[in-house]
Amino acid sequence: MKRLSFLFALLVSSYAGYSQSCCGVGKADCRPDDMQLMASTKEFQKAHIAPLPYTHVSMYGGEMITFPTPDGQKANAYIIRAIKPTNKYLFVYQEWWGLNDHIKKQADIFYKDLESVNVIAIDMYDGKIATSADSAGKYMSTANPVRLQSIIQGALSFVGPKAKIASVGWCFGGGLSLKSALLEGKQAVGCVMYYGMPEKDVAKLATLKCDVLGLFASREKWISTAVVNEFEANMKTAKKKLTVKSFDAEHAFANPSNPNFDKAATDEAYQLAITYLKAKLK
């Protein structure tokens, strides 16, 4: 535990110079969250098994697209468009491996079950996909928070100001799902976060325009019960609705890429998530 604390402190200090150089760029928060900092530690990496090989072929016309971002670059996404034009969208946020074929498959599953909703799985690593815990830890821990926000903002511009948006994500993507809801403003209709690091700033949480469904794992040490309890308290202070379900499971129990996922917990969590999303995007 002391070693983990030391590594965490070292990572925080290593970001100090970087933070000074990027803070104040627009309205972006340039500070990496706690989960990003933990991603480069061996203990966190060992808790993640490399994804099984899988090549996804969409049955619903899913395809890769690019869109411009406010920082002058372009971002990638996997999109499945509704058969009939609609302003309803689900933003899907990858786990720490990146936008791999497992995430594309999960996006297709959401598309099938939601019906008449556009589903967009956003590439937060700019084309990089990890196949080992070492590379995933590198990509996640060094992801520039300013760039992450710019990608989300680019996706918001792509769908337009009339879009009604819900979001969902796992692990790294769980935190991004909440960040997305904060950036979506009045366009946000729902947010599902699977064991992602919550926003701790009550003032920011107070700006949420939708409620949140949090699906957590009680056995994990990173997004621990204490972290979840603090999130619940902060949301209550912010006068925002949060529904929490903690499963007797390990971190990443429902990750689409996890070969050792907990099927019972995964199925129950998905039913909660899809029921919530259907209600928000009806």
Protein backbone atom coordinates (compact mmCIF):
# COMPACT_ATOMS: atom_id res chain seq x y z
CA MET A 1 0.00 0.00 0.00
CA LYS A 2 2.90 2.34 0.84
CA ARG A 3 4.43 1.58 -2.55
CA LEU A 4 1.16 2.45 -4.33
CA SER A 5 0.91 5.71 -2.36
CA PHE A 6 4.50 6.57 -3.25
CA LEU A 7 3.93 5.90 -6.93
CA PHE A 8 0.73 7.94 -6.88
CA ALA A 9 2.57 10.88 -5.26
CA LEU A 10 5.38 10.58 -7.78
CA LEU A 11 2.94 10.64 -10.67
CA VAL A 12 1.18 13.69 -9.26
CA SER A 13 4.45 15.55 -8.96
CA SER A 14 5.50 14.52 -12.46
CA TYR A 15 2.33 16.14 -13.83
CA ALA A 16 2.94 19.40 -11.99
CA GLY A 17 5.08 20.94 -14.73
CA TYR A 18 2.73 19.71 -17.42
CA SER A 19 -0.25 21.15 -15.56
CA GLN A 20 1.36 24.56 -15.31
CA SER A 21 1.89 24.58 -19.07
CA CYS A 22 -1.64 23.58 -20.06
CA CYS A 23 -3.89 25.00 -17.34
CA GLY A 24 -5.97 27.92 -18.47
CA VAL A 25 -6.29 26.71 -22.05
CA GLY A 26 -9.88 27.63 -22.82
CA LYS A 27 -12.16 26.10 -20.20
CA ALA A 28 -10.41 22.74 -20.15
CA ASP A 29 -9.42 21.12 -16.90
CA CYS A 30 -5.83 20.04 -17.56
CA ARG A 31 -5.46 17.91 -14.44
CA PRO A 32 -5.45 14.13 -14.96
CA ASP A 33 -7.90 12.38 -12.65
CA ASP A 34 -6.87 9.87 -10.00
CA MET A 35 -7.59 6.89 -12.25
CA GLN A 36 -5.33 8.25 -14.99
CA LEU A 37 -2.54 8.61 -12.46
CA MET A 38 -3.03 5.06 -11.20
CA ALA A 39 -3.00 3.60 -14.71
CA SER A 40 0.78 3.53 -14.94
CA THR A 41 1.20 1.59 -11.70
CA LYS A 42 1.99 -2.12 -11.94
CA GLU A 43 -0.72 -2.99 -9.42
CA PHE A 44 -3.45 -1.40 -11.55
CA GLN A 45 -2.09 -2.98 -14.71
CA LYS A 46 -1.98 -6.47 -13.20
CA ALA A 47 -5.69 -6.20 -12.43
CA HIS A 48 -6.45 -6.09 -16.17
CA ILE A 49 -6.24 -9.16 -18.40
CA ALA A 50 -5.37 -8.58 -22.05
CA PRO A 51 -8.45 -8.67 -24.27
CA LEU A 52 -9.24 -11.76 -26.30
CA PRO A 53 -8.68 -11.44 -30.06
CA TYR A 54 -11.84 -10.31 -31.79
CA THR A 55 -12.68 -8.77 -35.16
CA HIS A 56 -15.98 -6.95 -35.31
CA VAL A 57 -18.24 -6.90 -38.35
CA SER A 58 -21.23 -4.66 -37.81
CA MET A 59 -24.68 -6.02 -38.62
CA TYR A 60 -26.14 -2.52 -38.46
CA GLY A 61 -23.98 -0.49 -40.82
CA GLY A 62 -21.50 0.77 -38.23
CA GLU A 63 -18.57 2.68 -39.72
CA MET A 64 -15.60 4.79 -38.73
CA ILE A 65 -15.81 8.55 -39.27
CA THR A 66 -13.74 11.63 -38.48
CA PHE A 67 -14.84 15.02 -37.22
CA PRO A 68 -13.02 18.29 -36.47
CA THR A 69 -12.15 19.28 -32.91
CA PRO A 70 -11.81 22.81 -31.46
CA ASP A 71 -8.02 22.47 -31.14
CA GLY A 72 -7.63 22.35 -34.93
CA GLN A 73 -7.23 18.57 -35.12
CA LYS A 74 -9.56 15.73 -36.06
CA ALA A 75 -10.98 12.89 -34.00
CA ASN A 76 -12.31 9.45 -34.84
CA ALA A 77 -15.49 7.65 -33.90
CA TYR A 78 -17.45 4.52 -34.71
CA ILE A 79 -21.03 5.45 -35.56
CA ILE A 80 -24.20 3.45 -36.14
CA ARG A 81 -26.87 5.75 -37.51
CA ALA A 82 -30.56 5.28 -36.78
CA ILE A 83 -32.58 4.06 -39.76
CA LYS A 84 -34.80 7.13 -39.56
CA PRO A 85 -33.22 10.56 -38.86
CA THR A 86 -33.32 11.45 -35.17
CA ASN A 87 -31.66 13.86 -32.77
CA LYS A 88 -31.27 11.15 -30.11
CA TYR A 89 -27.67 10.04 -29.49
CA LEU A 90 -25.79 7.69 -27.20
CA PHE A 91 -22.12 8.54 -26.67
CA VAL A 92 -20.11 5.40 -25.82
CA TYR A 93 -16.77 5.82 -24.05
CA GLN A 94 -14.04 3.20 -24.28
CA GLU A 95 -12.33 1.46 -21.41
CA TRP A 96 -8.57 1.86 -21.03
CA TRP A 97 -7.70 -0.37 -24.00
CA GLY A 98 -9.05 2.16 -26.48
CA LEU A 99 -11.72 1.99 -29.17
CA ASN A 100 -11.19 -1.67 -29.99
CA ASP A 101 -13.55 -4.09 -31.71
CA HIS A 102 -15.04 -5.19 -28.39
CA ILE A 103 -16.29 -1.63 -27.80
CA LYS A 104 -17.66 -1.47 -31.34
CA LYS A 105 -19.55 -4.70 -30.65
CA GLN A 106 -20.99 -3.24 -27.45
CA ALA A 107 -22.01 -0.10 -29.36
CA ASP A 108 -23.92 -2.35 -31.78
CA ILE A 109 -25.65 -4.08 -28.85
CA PHE A 110 -26.79 -0.74 -27.43
CA TYR A 111 -27.97 0.28 -30.89
CA LYS A 112 -30.04 -2.87 -31.32
CA ASP A 113 -31.66 -2.63 -27.89
CA LEU A 114 -32.31 1.12 -27.87
CA GLU A 115 -33.87 1.32 -31.35
CA SER A 116 -34.12 4.59 -33.28
CA VAL A 117 -31.06 6.10 -31.57
CA ASN A 118 -27.74 7.10 -33.14
CA VAL A 119 -24.85 5.46 -31.29
CA ILE A 120 -21.34 6.92 -31.41
CA ALA A 121 -18.32 5.23 -29.80
CA ILE A 122 -15.74 7.99 -29.55
CA ASP A 123 -12.02 7.30 -29.98
CA MET A 124 -10.31 9.04 -27.06
CA TYR A 125 -6.80 7.80 -27.95
CA ASP A 126 -6.60 9.22 -31.49
CA GLY A 127 -6.28 5.84 -33.18
CA LYS A 128 -4.13 4.06 -30.61
CA ILE A 129 -5.40 0.68 -29.39
CA ALA A 130 -3.67 -1.18 -26.57
CA THR A 131 -3.22 -4.95 -26.57
CA SER A 132 -1.15 -5.19 -23.37
CA ALA A 133 -1.56 -3.73 -19.89
CA ASP A 134 1.72 -1.85 -20.30
CA SER A 135 0.57 -0.04 -23.43
CA ALA A 136 -2.91 0.58 -22.00
CA GLY A 137 -1.36 2.07 -18.88
CA LYS A 138 0.81 4.33 -21.02
CA TYR A 139 -2.04 5.52 -23.24
CA MET A 140 -4.42 6.17 -20.36
CA SER A 141 -1.97 7.81 -17.95
CA THR A 142 -0.50 10.12 -20.60
CA ALA A 143 -3.76 11.09 -22.29
CA ASN A 144 -3.85 14.90 -22.37
CA PRO A 145 -6.99 16.04 -20.48
CA VAL A 146 -7.20 19.13 -22.69
CA ARG A 147 -7.22 16.92 -25.78
CA LEU A 148 -9.80 14.60 -24.21
CA GLN A 149 -12.11 17.54 -23.64
CA SER A 150 -11.53 18.83 -27.17
CA ILE A 151 -12.53 15.43 -28.59
CA ILE A 152 -15.78 15.47 -26.60
CA GLN A 153 -16.48 19.04 -27.69
CA GLY A 154 -15.84 18.03 -31.30
CA ALA A 155 -18.37 15.21 -30.94
CA LEU A 156 -20.89 17.68 -29.53
CA SER A 157 -20.40 19.96 -32.53
CA PHE A 158 -20.75 16.96 -34.85
CA VAL A 159 -24.17 15.98 -33.48
CA GLY A 160 -25.35 19.59 -33.28
CA PRO A 161 -27.08 21.79 -30.69
CA LYS A 162 -30.48 20.09 -31.07
CA ALA A 163 -29.21 16.63 -30.14
CA LYS A 164 -30.42 14.90 -26.98
CA ILE A 165 -27.49 12.96 -25.59
CA ALA A 166 -27.00 10.13 -23.13
CA SER A 167 -23.58 8.66 -22.37
CA VAL A 168 -22.10 5.41 -21.10
CA GLY A 169 -18.58 4.15 -20.44
CA TRP A 170 -16.46 1.65 -18.53
CA CYS A 171 -13.41 2.21 -16.30
CA PHE A 172 -11.58 5.19 -17.90
CA GLY A 173 -14.69 5.65 -20.01
CA GLY A 174 -16.89 5.67 -16.91
CA GLY A 175 -15.22 8.87 -15.77
CA LEU A 176 -15.37 10.24 -19.32
CA SER A 177 -19.10 9.53 -19.43
CA LEU A 178 -19.59 11.85 -16.46
CA LYS A 179 -17.23 14.47 -17.93
CA SER A 180 -19.22 14.27 -21.16
CA ALA A 181 -22.51 14.87 -19.34
CA LEU A 182 -21.01 17.95 -17.72
CA LEU A 183 -19.90 19.30 -21.11
CA GLU A 184 -23.21 18.48 -22.77
CA GLY A 185 -25.08 21.00 -20.62
CA LYS A 186 -28.80 21.15 -21.39
CA GLN A 187 -28.38 18.55 -24.13
CA ALA A 188 -27.61 15.85 -21.54
CA VAL A 189 -30.51 13.51 -20.79
CA GLY A 190 -28.68 10.69 -19.00
CA CYS A 191 -25.32 9.34 -17.87
CA VAL A 192 -24.22 5.80 -17.06
CA MET A 193 -20.80 5.25 -15.54
CA TYR A 194 -19.39 1.78 -14.95
CA TYR A 195 -16.75 1.95 -12.16
CA GLY A 196 -15.27 5.23 -13.39
CA MET A 197 -13.59 7.88 -11.27
CA PRO A 198 -16.23 10.44 -10.25
CA GLU A 199 -15.80 14.19 -10.47
CA LYS A 200 -15.08 15.46 -6.95
CA ASP A 201 -15.70 19.17 -7.50
CA VAL A 202 -19.15 19.87 -6.07
CA ALA A 203 -19.40 23.15 -7.98
CA LYS A 204 -18.94 21.27 -11.26
CA LEU A 205 -21.41 18.56 -10.26
CA ALA A 206 -23.94 21.28 -9.53
CA THR A 207 -23.93 22.19 -13.24
CA LEU A 208 -25.19 18.74 -14.30
CA LYS A 209 -28.45 18.86 -16.21
CA CYS A 210 -29.22 15.14 -15.92
CA ASP A 211 -29.18 12.44 -13.29
CA VAL A 212 -26.51 9.71 -13.13
CA LEU A 213 -26.57 5.92 -12.86
CA GLY A 214 -23.40 4.62 -11.23
CA LEU A 215 -22.55 0.91 -11.52
CA PHE A 216 -19.63 0.02 -9.25
CA ALA A 217 -17.65 -3.00 -8.00
CA SER A 218 -17.44 -3.35 -4.22
CA ARG A 219 -14.31 -5.53 -4.25
CA GLU A 220 -12.04 -3.13 -6.07
CA LYS A 221 -9.56 -0.83 -4.35
CA TRP A 222 -9.39 2.06 -6.84
CA ILE A 223 -12.99 3.20 -7.21
CA SER A 224 -13.52 1.96 -3.68
CA THR A 225 -16.61 2.02 -1.50
CA ALA A 226 -15.16 5.12 0.16
CA VAL A 227 -14.86 6.84 -3.24
CA VAL A 228 -18.44 5.90 -4.12
CA ASN A 229 -19.70 7.13 -0.74
CA GLU A 230 -17.92 10.44 -1.28
CA PHE A 231 -19.49 10.71 -4.74
CA GLU A 232 -22.95 10.13 -3.27
CA ALA A 233 -22.34 12.80 -0.62
CA ASN A 234 -21.03 15.28 -3.20
CA MET A 235 -24.00 14.71 -5.50
CA LYS A 236 -26.36 15.23 -2.57
CA THR A 237 -24.60 18.48 -1.71
CA ALA A 238 -24.85 19.51 -5.37
CA LYS A 239 -28.58 18.65 -5.24
CA LYS A 240 -28.27 16.19 -8.11
CA LYS A 241 -29.80 12.74 -8.42
CA LEU A 242 -27.47 9.75 -8.35
CA THR A 243 -28.57 6.11 -8.41
CA VAL A 244 -25.88 3.67 -7.29
CA LYS A 245 -25.66 -0.09 -7.61
CA SER A 246 -22.54 -1.74 -6.18
CA PHE A 247 -21.91 -5.31 -7.29
CA ASP A 248 -20.04 -7.94 -5.31
CA ALA A 249 -17.41 -8.08 -8.03
CA GLU A 250 -13.94 -6.97 -9.06
CA HIS A 251 -13.00 -3.92 -11.14
CA ALA A 252 -13.71 -4.39 -14.87
CA PHE A 253 -16.33 -7.07 -14.20
CA ALA A 254 -18.43 -5.85 -17.15
CA ASN A 255 -15.76 -4.53 -19.50
CA PRO A 256 -16.55 -5.69 -23.05
CA SER A 257 -12.88 -6.66 -23.58
CA ASN A 258 -12.47 -8.61 -20.33
CA PRO A 259 -12.15 -12.38 -20.98
CA ASN A 260 -12.89 -13.08 -17.30
CA PHE A 261 -15.90 -10.82 -16.90
CA ASP A 262 -18.51 -11.66 -14.28
CA LYS A 263 -21.46 -12.79 -16.40
CA ALA A 264 -24.14 -12.57 -13.70
CA ALA A 265 -23.06 -9.08 -12.60
CA THR A 266 -22.58 -8.01 -16.22
CA ASP A 267 -26.06 -9.10 -17.22
CA GLU A 268 -27.68 -7.40 -14.23
CA ALA A 269 -25.71 -4.20 -14.77
CA TYR A 270 -26.61 -4.13 -18.46
CA GLN A 271 -30.30 -4.52 -17.69
CA LEU A 272 -30.10 -1.57 -15.31
CA ALA A 273 -28.18 0.46 -17.88
CA ILE A 274 -30.40 -0.30 -20.88
CA THR A 275 -33.61 0.25 -18.91
CA TYR A 276 -32.26 3.61 -17.75
CA LEU A 277 -31.11 4.62 -21.25
CA LYS A 278 -34.39 3.60 -22.86
CA ALA A 279 -36.27 5.82 -20.42
CA LYS A 280 -33.97 8.76 -21.08
CA LEU A 281 -33.97 8.38 -24.87
CA LYS A 282 -37.62 7.42 -25.37
